[in-house]
Amino acid sequence: MPRQIRFPKTKRERAMSAQLAALNERLEVIERRHCKLQNTVEALGREAGVSVGSPCSHCDESYMLIKNGHMYCPHCGHRRTM
């Protein structure tokens, strides 16, 4: 198989590569932070006797919290029994 020749990147290609690398780094930081926050919320829920359920079907801005047979959304206040 012939060896592929790689020409030097243009200024635009270098800028796009740098931007892509920066976005990739930001995404990795956000994913790590998200995992930490998720672990913290789950632990707080266990300590308070509350479970985290599915996303709210009413506003889709928060997860439903489950306690004592009831589900409620902390964002919009939507409630329902289980």
PDB file of N, CA and C in Angstrom:
ATOM      1  N   MET A   1       0.851  -1.173   0.000  1.00  0.00           N
ATOM      2  CA  MET A   1       0.000   0.000   0.000  1.00  0.00           C
ATOM      3  C   MET A   1       0.898   1.238   0.000  1.00  0.00           C
ATOM      4  N   PRO A   2       0.620   2.180  -0.889  1.00  0.00           N
ATOM      5  CA  PRO A   2       1.468   3.366  -0.955  1.00  0.00           C
ATOM      6  C   PRO A   2       1.309   4.228   0.291  1.00  0.00           C
ATOM      7  N   ARG A   3       2.406   4.834   0.639  1.00  0.00           N
ATOM      8  CA  ARG A   3       2.422   5.703   1.814  1.00  0.00           C
ATOM      9  C   ARG A   3       1.693   7.006   1.493  1.00  0.00           C
ATOM     10  N   GLN A   4       0.835   7.425   2.411  1.00  0.00           N
ATOM     11  CA  GLN A   4       0.062   8.641   2.189  1.00  0.00           C
ATOM     12  C   GLN A   4       0.910   9.862   2.524  1.00  0.00           C
ATOM     13  N   ILE A   5       0.905  10.801   1.624  1.00  0.00           N
ATOM     14  CA  ILE A   5       1.661  12.033   1.830  1.00  0.00           C
ATOM     15  C   ILE A   5       0.759  13.036   2.529  1.00  0.00           C
ATOM     16  N   ARG A   6       1.259  13.632   3.599  1.00  0.00           N
ATOM     17  CA  ARG A   6       0.483  14.622   4.364  1.00  0.00           C
ATOM     18  C   ARG A   6       1.113  15.987   4.156  1.00  0.00           C
ATOM     19  N   PHE A   7       0.335  16.881   3.590  1.00  0.00           N
ATOM     20  CA  PHE A   7       0.809  18.234   3.361  1.00  0.00           C
ATOM     21  C   PHE A   7       0.613  19.058   4.635  1.00  0.00           C
ATOM     22  N   PRO A   8       1.395  20.087   4.811  1.00  0.00           N
ATOM     23  CA  PRO A   8       1.234  20.938   5.990  1.00  0.00           C
ATOM     24  C   PRO A   8      -0.182  21.514   6.044  1.00  0.00           C
ATOM     25  N   LYS A   9      -0.700  21.615   7.250  1.00  0.00           N
ATOM     26  CA  LYS A   9      -2.041  22.152   7.430  1.00  0.00           C
ATOM     27  C   LYS A   9      -2.058  23.646   7.124  1.00  0.00           C
ATOM     28  N   THR A  10      -3.178  24.069   6.618  1.00  0.00           N
ATOM     29  CA  THR A  10      -3.356  25.499   6.388  1.00  0.00           C
ATOM     30  C   THR A  10      -3.597  26.181   7.732  1.00  0.00           C
ATOM     31  N   LYS A  11      -3.529  27.487   7.699  1.00  0.00           N
ATOM     32  CA  LYS A  11      -3.768  28.263   8.919  1.00  0.00           C
ATOM     33  C   LYS A  11      -5.174  27.973   9.453  1.00  0.00           C
ATOM     34  N   ARG A  12      -6.142  27.884   8.561  1.00  0.00           N
ATOM     35  CA  ARG A  12      -7.524  27.597   8.960  1.00  0.00           C
ATOM     36  C   ARG A  12      -7.636  26.200   9.576  1.00  0.00           C
ATOM     37  N   GLU A  13      -6.994  25.216   8.981  1.00  0.00           N
ATOM     38  CA  GLU A  13      -7.031  23.854   9.522  1.00  0.00           C
ATOM     39  C   GLU A  13      -6.392  23.798  10.908  1.00  0.00           C
ATOM     40  N   ARG A  14      -5.284  24.516  11.099  1.00  0.00           N
ATOM     41  CA  ARG A  14      -4.640  24.551  12.417  1.00  0.00           C
ATOM     42  C   ARG A  14      -5.558  25.193  13.448  1.00  0.00           C
ATOM     43  N   ALA A  15      -6.234  26.279  13.048  1.00  0.00           N
ATOM     44  CA  ALA A  15      -7.154  26.960  13.960  1.00  0.00           C
ATOM     45  C   ALA A  15      -8.330  26.044  14.321  1.00  0.00           C
ATOM     46  N   MET A  16      -8.857  25.342  13.331  1.00  0.00           N
ATOM     47  CA  MET A  16      -9.972  24.429  13.587  1.00  0.00           C
ATOM     48  C   MET A  16      -9.538  23.264  14.474  1.00  0.00           C
ATOM     49  N   SER A  17      -8.331  22.764  14.262  1.00  0.00           N
ATOM     50  CA  SER A  17      -7.815  21.680  15.105  1.00  0.00           C
ATOM     51  C   SER A  17      -7.645  22.149  16.546  1.00  0.00           C
ATOM     52  N   ALA A  18      -7.150  23.364  16.718  1.00  0.00           N
ATOM     53  CA  ALA A  18      -6.979  23.915  18.061  1.00  0.00           C
ATOM     54  C   ALA A  18      -8.330  24.122  18.732  1.00  0.00           C
ATOM     55  N   GLN A  19      -9.300  24.617  17.969  1.00  0.00           N
ATOM     56  CA  GLN A  19     -10.648  24.821  18.519  1.00  0.00           C
ATOM     57  C   GLN A  19     -11.271  23.482  18.900  1.00  0.00           C
ATOM     58  N   LEU A  20     -11.122  22.473  18.075  1.00  0.00           N
ATOM     59  CA  LEU A  20     -11.652  21.147  18.362  1.00  0.00           C
ATOM     60  C   LEU A  20     -11.001  20.554  19.612  1.00  0.00           C
ATOM     61  N   ALA A  21      -9.701  20.726  19.753  1.00  0.00           N
ATOM     62  CA  ALA A  21      -9.003  20.230  20.940  1.00  0.00           C
ATOM     63  C   ALA A  21      -9.496  20.944  22.194  1.00  0.00           C
ATOM     64  N   ALA A  22      -9.721  22.251  22.113  1.00  0.00           N
ATOM     65  CA  ALA A  22     -10.227  23.014  23.257  1.00  0.00           C
ATOM     66  C   ALA A  22     -11.636  22.574  23.623  1.00  0.00           C
ATOM     67  N   LEU A  23     -12.484  22.355  22.617  1.00  0.00           N
ATOM     68  CA  LEU A  23     -13.846  21.884  22.887  1.00  0.00           C
ATOM     69  C   LEU A  23     -13.844  20.494  23.500  1.00  0.00           C
ATOM     70  N   ASN A  24     -12.948  19.643  23.029  1.00  0.00           N
ATOM     71  CA  ASN A  24     -12.836  18.297  23.572  1.00  0.00           C
ATOM     72  C   ASN A  24     -12.437  18.343  25.044  1.00  0.00           C
ATOM     73  N   GLU A  25     -11.505  19.209  25.383  1.00  0.00           N
ATOM     74  CA  GLU A  25     -11.069  19.362  26.776  1.00  0.00           C
ATOM     75  C   GLU A  25     -12.218  19.872  27.638  1.00  0.00           C
ATOM     76  N   ARG A  26     -12.948  20.878  27.135  1.00  0.00           N
ATOM     77  CA  ARG A  26     -14.097  21.400  27.886  1.00  0.00           C
ATOM     78  C   ARG A  26     -15.139  20.312  28.122  1.00  0.00           C
ATOM     79  N   LEU A  27     -15.413  19.501  27.101  1.00  0.00           N
ATOM     80  CA  LEU A  27     -16.386  18.420  27.231  1.00  0.00           C
ATOM     81  C   LEU A  27     -15.934  17.417  28.287  1.00  0.00           C
ATOM     82  N   GLU A  28     -14.671  17.065  28.303  1.00  0.00           N
ATOM     83  CA  GLU A  28     -14.161  16.123  29.306  1.00  0.00           C
ATOM     84  C   GLU A  28     -14.304  16.690  30.716  1.00  0.00           C
ATOM     85  N   VAL A  29     -14.032  17.978  30.890  1.00  0.00           N
ATOM     86  CA  VAL A  29     -14.183  18.622  32.198  1.00  0.00           C
ATOM     87  C   VAL A  29     -15.647  18.606  32.624  1.00  0.00           C
ATOM     88  N   ILE A  30     -16.548  18.937  31.695  1.00  0.00           N
ATOM     89  CA  ILE A  30     -17.976  18.956  31.996  1.00  0.00           C
ATOM     90  C   ILE A  30     -18.476  17.553  32.346  1.00  0.00           C
ATOM     91  N   GLU A  31     -18.018  16.535  31.631  1.00  0.00           N
ATOM     92  CA  GLU A  31     -18.436  15.160  31.924  1.00  0.00           C
ATOM     93  C   GLU A  31     -17.965  14.731  33.311  1.00  0.00           C
ATOM     94  N   ARG A  32     -16.737  15.085  33.683  1.00  0.00           N
ATOM     95  CA  ARG A  32     -16.248  14.733  35.025  1.00  0.00           C
ATOM     96  C   ARG A  32     -17.076  15.442  36.092  1.00  0.00           C
ATOM     97  N   ARG A  33     -17.372  16.715  35.865  1.00  0.00           N
ATOM     98  CA  ARG A  33     -18.176  17.485  36.823  1.00  0.00           C
ATOM     99  C   ARG A  33     -19.583  16.905  36.926  1.00  0.00           C
ATOM    100  N   HIS A  34     -20.167  16.526  35.808  1.00  0.00           N
ATOM    101  CA  HIS A  34     -21.499  15.937  35.799  1.00  0.00           C
ATOM    102  C   HIS A  34     -21.527  14.650  36.634  1.00  0.00           C
ATOM    103  N   CYS A  35     -20.543  13.790  36.473  1.00  0.00           N
ATOM    104  CA  CYS A  35     -20.478  12.548  37.246  1.00  0.00           C
ATOM    105  C   CYS A  35     -20.367  12.836  38.743  1.00  0.00           C
ATOM    106  N   LYS A  36     -19.550  13.812  39.109  1.00  0.00           N
ATOM    107  CA  LYS A  36     -19.413  14.173  40.527  1.00  0.00           C
ATOM    108  C   LYS A  36     -20.736  14.676  41.084  1.00  0.00           C
ATOM    109  N   LEU A  37     -21.410  15.549  40.336  1.00  0.00           N
ATOM    110  CA  LEU A  37     -22.696  16.075  40.789  1.00  0.00           C
ATOM    111  C   LEU A  37     -23.746  14.974  40.892  1.00  0.00           C
ATOM    112  N   GLN A  38     -23.768  14.059  39.930  1.00  0.00           N
ATOM    113  CA  GLN A  38     -24.726  12.956  39.969  1.00  0.00           C
ATOM    114  C   GLN A  38     -24.483  12.087  41.195  1.00  0.00           C
ATOM    115  N   ASN A  39     -23.254  11.759  41.497  1.00  0.00           N
ATOM    116  CA  ASN A  39     -22.940  10.968  42.683  1.00  0.00           C
ATOM    117  C   ASN A  39     -23.352  11.696  43.956  1.00  0.00           C
ATOM    118  N   THR A  40     -23.136  12.999  43.996  1.00  0.00           N
ATOM    119  CA  THR A  40     -23.491  13.796  45.171  1.00  0.00           C
ATOM    120  C   THR A  40     -24.999  13.838  45.372  1.00  0.00           C
ATOM    121  N   VAL A  41     -25.749  14.062  44.294  1.00  0.00           N
ATOM    122  CA  VAL A  41     -27.217  14.114  44.391  1.00  0.00           C
ATOM    123  C   VAL A  41     -27.769  12.771  44.841  1.00  0.00           C
ATOM    124  N   GLU A  42     -27.248  11.684  44.301  1.00  0.00           N
ATOM    125  CA  GLU A  42     -27.714  10.351  44.707  1.00  0.00           C
ATOM    126  C   GLU A  42     -27.428  10.097  46.179  1.00  0.00           C
ATOM    127  N   ALA A  43     -26.262  10.502  46.666  1.00  0.00           N
ATOM    128  CA  ALA A  43     -25.915  10.315  48.076  1.00  0.00           C
ATOM    129  C   ALA A  43     -26.804  11.178  48.972  1.00  0.00           C
ATOM    130  N   LEU A  44     -27.047  12.409  48.577  1.00  0.00           N
ATOM    131  CA  LEU A  44     -27.936  13.277  49.350  1.00  0.00           C
ATOM    132  C   LEU A  44     -29.348  12.687  49.402  1.00  0.00           C
ATOM    133  N   GLY A  45     -29.801  12.161  48.307  1.00  0.00           N
ATOM    134  CA  GLY A  45     -31.114  11.522  48.267  1.00  0.00           C
ATOM    135  C   GLY A  45     -31.202  10.337  49.212  1.00  0.00           C
ATOM    136  N   ARG A  46     -30.176   9.507  49.216  1.00  0.00           N
ATOM    137  CA  ARG A  46     -30.171   8.353  50.134  1.00  0.00           C
ATOM    138  C   ARG A  46     -30.240   8.813  51.576  1.00  0.00           C
ATOM    139  N   GLU A  47     -29.469   9.832  51.921  1.00  0.00           N
ATOM    140  CA  GLU A  47     -29.464  10.342  53.297  1.00  0.00           C
ATOM    141  C   GLU A  47     -30.809  10.942  53.681  1.00  0.00           C
ATOM    142  N   ALA A  48     -31.509  11.540  52.732  1.00  0.00           N
ATOM    143  CA  ALA A  48     -32.792  12.188  53.013  1.00  0.00           C
ATOM    144  C   ALA A  48     -33.981  11.253  52.797  1.00  0.00           C
ATOM    145  N   GLY A  49     -33.714  10.035  52.341  1.00  0.00           N
ATOM    146  CA  GLY A  49     -34.806   9.094  52.084  1.00  0.00           C
ATOM    147  C   GLY A  49     -35.579   9.399  50.815  1.00  0.00           C
ATOM    148  N   VAL A  50     -34.924  10.022  49.862  1.00  0.00           N
ATOM    149  CA  VAL A  50     -35.554  10.398  48.595  1.00  0.00           C
ATOM    150  C   VAL A  50     -34.813   9.695  47.462  1.00  0.00           C
ATOM    151  N   SER A  51     -35.580   9.199  46.486  1.00  0.00           N
ATOM    152  CA  SER A  51     -34.975   8.597  45.302  1.00  0.00           C
ATOM    153  C   SER A  51     -35.134   9.535  44.122  1.00  0.00           C
ATOM    154  N   VAL A  52     -34.217   9.448  43.197  1.00  0.00           N
ATOM    155  CA  VAL A  52     -34.291  10.243  41.978  1.00  0.00           C
ATOM    156  C   VAL A  52     -34.934   9.374  40.910  1.00  0.00           C
ATOM    157  N   GLY A  53     -35.999   9.895  40.297  1.00  0.00           N
ATOM    158  CA  GLY A  53     -36.734   9.143  39.285  1.00  0.00           C
ATOM    159  C   GLY A  53     -36.414   9.597  37.879  1.00  0.00           C
ATOM    160  N   SER A  54     -37.415   9.496  37.037  1.00  0.00           N
ATOM    161  CA  SER A  54     -37.272   9.854  35.629  1.00  0.00           C
ATOM    162  C   SER A  54     -37.425  11.365  35.448  1.00  0.00           C
ATOM    163  N   PRO A  55     -37.086  11.859  34.258  1.00  0.00           N
ATOM    164  CA  PRO A  55     -37.307  13.284  33.998  1.00  0.00           C
ATOM    165  C   PRO A  55     -38.783  13.634  34.129  1.00  0.00           C
ATOM    166  N   CYS A  56     -39.068  14.855  34.544  1.00  0.00           N
ATOM    167  CA  CYS A  56     -40.448  15.319  34.708  1.00  0.00           C
ATOM    168  C   CYS A  56     -41.129  15.337  33.341  1.00  0.00           C
ATOM    169  N   SER A  57     -42.288  14.693  33.257  1.00  0.00           N
ATOM    170  CA  SER A  57     -43.033  14.661  31.995  1.00  0.00           C
ATOM    171  C   SER A  57     -43.784  15.966  31.760  1.00  0.00           C
ATOM    172  N   HIS A  58     -43.869  16.791  32.776  1.00  0.00           N
ATOM    173  CA  HIS A  58     -44.601  18.052  32.655  1.00  0.00           C
ATOM    174  C   HIS A  58     -43.700  19.172  32.115  1.00  0.00           C
ATOM    175  N   CYS A  59     -42.507  19.346  32.705  1.00  0.00           N
ATOM    176  CA  CYS A  59     -41.632  20.449  32.272  1.00  0.00           C
ATOM    177  C   CYS A  59     -40.312  19.977  31.653  1.00  0.00           C
ATOM    178  N   ASP A  60     -39.894  18.757  31.928  1.00  0.00           N
ATOM    179  CA  ASP A  60     -38.631  18.186  31.419  1.00  0.00           C
ATOM    180  C   ASP A  60     -37.414  19.035  31.800  1.00  0.00           C
ATOM    181  N   GLU A  61     -37.508  19.751  32.921  1.00  0.00           N
ATOM    182  CA  GLU A  61     -36.405  20.592  33.391  1.00  0.00           C
ATOM    183  C   GLU A  61     -35.690  19.994  34.597  1.00  0.00           C
ATOM    184  N   SER A  62     -36.233  18.914  35.153  1.00  0.00           N
ATOM    185  CA  SER A  62     -35.651  18.308  36.344  1.00  0.00           C
ATOM    186  C   SER A  62     -36.064  16.843  36.394  1.00  0.00           C
ATOM    187  N   TYR A  63     -35.384  16.077  37.231  1.00  0.00           N
ATOM    188  CA  TYR A  63     -35.804  14.708  37.488  1.00  0.00           C
ATOM    189  C   TYR A  63     -36.835  14.712  38.608  1.00  0.00           C
ATOM    190  N   MET A  64     -37.755  13.757  38.552  1.00  0.00           N
ATOM    191  CA  MET A  64     -38.754  13.618  39.593  1.00  0.00           C
ATOM    192  C   MET A  64     -38.079  13.069  40.852  1.00  0.00           C
ATOM    193  N   LEU A  65     -38.533  13.518  42.003  1.00  0.00           N
ATOM    194  CA  LEU A  65     -38.065  12.991  43.272  1.00  0.00           C
ATOM    195  C   LEU A  65     -39.156  12.092  43.825  1.00  0.00           C
ATOM    196  N   ILE A  66     -38.765  10.974  44.405  1.00  0.00           N
ATOM    197  CA  ILE A  66     -39.716   9.984  44.898  1.00  0.00           C
ATOM    198  C   ILE A  66     -39.548   9.853  46.400  1.00  0.00           C
ATOM    199  N   LYS A  67     -40.672  10.028  47.113  1.00  0.00           N
ATOM    200  CA  LYS A  67     -40.650   9.895  48.561  1.00  0.00           C
ATOM    201  C   LYS A  67     -42.056   9.545  49.041  1.00  0.00           C
ATOM    202  N   ASN A  68     -42.140   8.559  49.920  1.00  0.00           N
ATOM    203  CA  ASN A  68     -43.404   8.150  50.532  1.00  0.00           C
ATOM    204  C   ASN A  68     -44.507   7.885  49.507  1.00  0.00           C
ATOM    205  N   GLY A  69     -44.178   7.215  48.415  1.00  0.00           N
ATOM    206  CA  GLY A  69     -45.174   6.852  47.415  1.00  0.00           C
ATOM    207  C   GLY A  69     -45.614   7.971  46.503  1.00  0.00           C
ATOM    208  N   HIS A  70     -44.979   9.111  46.576  1.00  0.00           N
ATOM    209  CA  HIS A  70     -45.305  10.240  45.713  1.00  0.00           C
ATOM    210  C   HIS A  70     -44.090  10.638  44.889  1.00  0.00           C
ATOM    211  N   MET A  71     -44.370  11.103  43.690  1.00  0.00           N
ATOM    212  CA  MET A  71     -43.319  11.646  42.824  1.00  0.00           C
ATOM    213  C   MET A  71     -43.599  13.129  42.649  1.00  0.00           C
ATOM    214  N   TYR A  72     -42.562  13.936  42.716  1.00  0.00           N
ATOM    215  CA  TYR A  72     -42.757  15.368  42.486  1.00  0.00           C
ATOM    216  C   TYR A  72     -41.532  15.967  41.825  1.00  0.00           C
ATOM    217  N   CYS A  73     -41.812  17.031  41.085  1.00  0.00           N
ATOM    218  CA  CYS A  73     -40.751  17.731  40.379  1.00  0.00           C
ATOM    219  C   CYS A  73     -40.326  18.935  41.202  1.00  0.00           C
ATOM    220  N   PRO A  74     -39.065  19.026  41.560  1.00  0.00           N
ATOM    221  CA  PRO A  74     -38.606  20.172  42.342  1.00  0.00           C
ATOM    222  C   PRO A  74     -38.570  21.473  41.523  1.00  0.00           C
ATOM    223  N   HIS A  75     -38.648  21.360  40.220  1.00  0.00           N
ATOM    224  CA  HIS A  75     -38.593  22.563  39.371  1.00  0.00           C
ATOM    225  C   HIS A  75     -39.979  23.199  39.197  1.00  0.00           C
ATOM    226  N   CYS A  76     -40.955  22.399  38.767  1.00  0.00           N
ATOM    227  CA  CYS A  76     -42.277  22.969  38.458  1.00  0.00           C
ATOM    228  C   CYS A  76     -43.335  22.602  39.476  1.00  0.00           C
ATOM    229  N   GLY A  77     -43.020  21.682  40.399  1.00  0.00           N
ATOM    230  CA  GLY A  77     -43.981  21.313  41.431  1.00  0.00           C
ATOM    231  C   GLY A  77     -44.988  20.252  41.000  1.00  0.00           C
ATOM    232  N   HIS A  78     -44.898  19.755  39.783  1.00  0.00           N
ATOM    233  CA  HIS A  78     -45.822  18.710  39.312  1.00  0.00           C
ATOM    234  C   HIS A  78     -45.726  17.501  40.237  1.00  0.00           C
ATOM    235  N   ARG A  79     -46.893  16.966  40.646  1.00  0.00           N
ATOM    236  CA  ARG A  79     -46.944  15.826  41.563  1.00  0.00           C
ATOM    237  C   ARG A  79     -47.828  14.726  41.013  1.00  0.00           C
ATOM    238  N   ARG A  80     -47.496  13.499  41.418  1.00  0.00           N
ATOM    239  CA  ARG A  80     -48.381  12.371  41.135  1.00  0.00           C
ATOM    240  C   ARG A  80     -48.046  11.236  42.097  1.00  0.00           C
ATOM    241  N   THR A  81     -49.027  10.384  42.326  1.00  0.00           N
ATOM    242  CA  THR A  81     -48.797   9.242  43.210  1.00  0.00           C
ATOM    243  C   THR A  81     -48.264   8.099  42.359  1.00  0.00           C
ATOM    244  N   MET A  82     -47.614   7.202  43.019  1.00  0.00           N
ATOM    245  CA  MET A  82     -47.039   6.061  42.301  1.00  0.00           C
ATOM    246  C   MET A  82     -48.000   4.907  42.246  1.00  0.00           C
TER     247      MET A  82
END
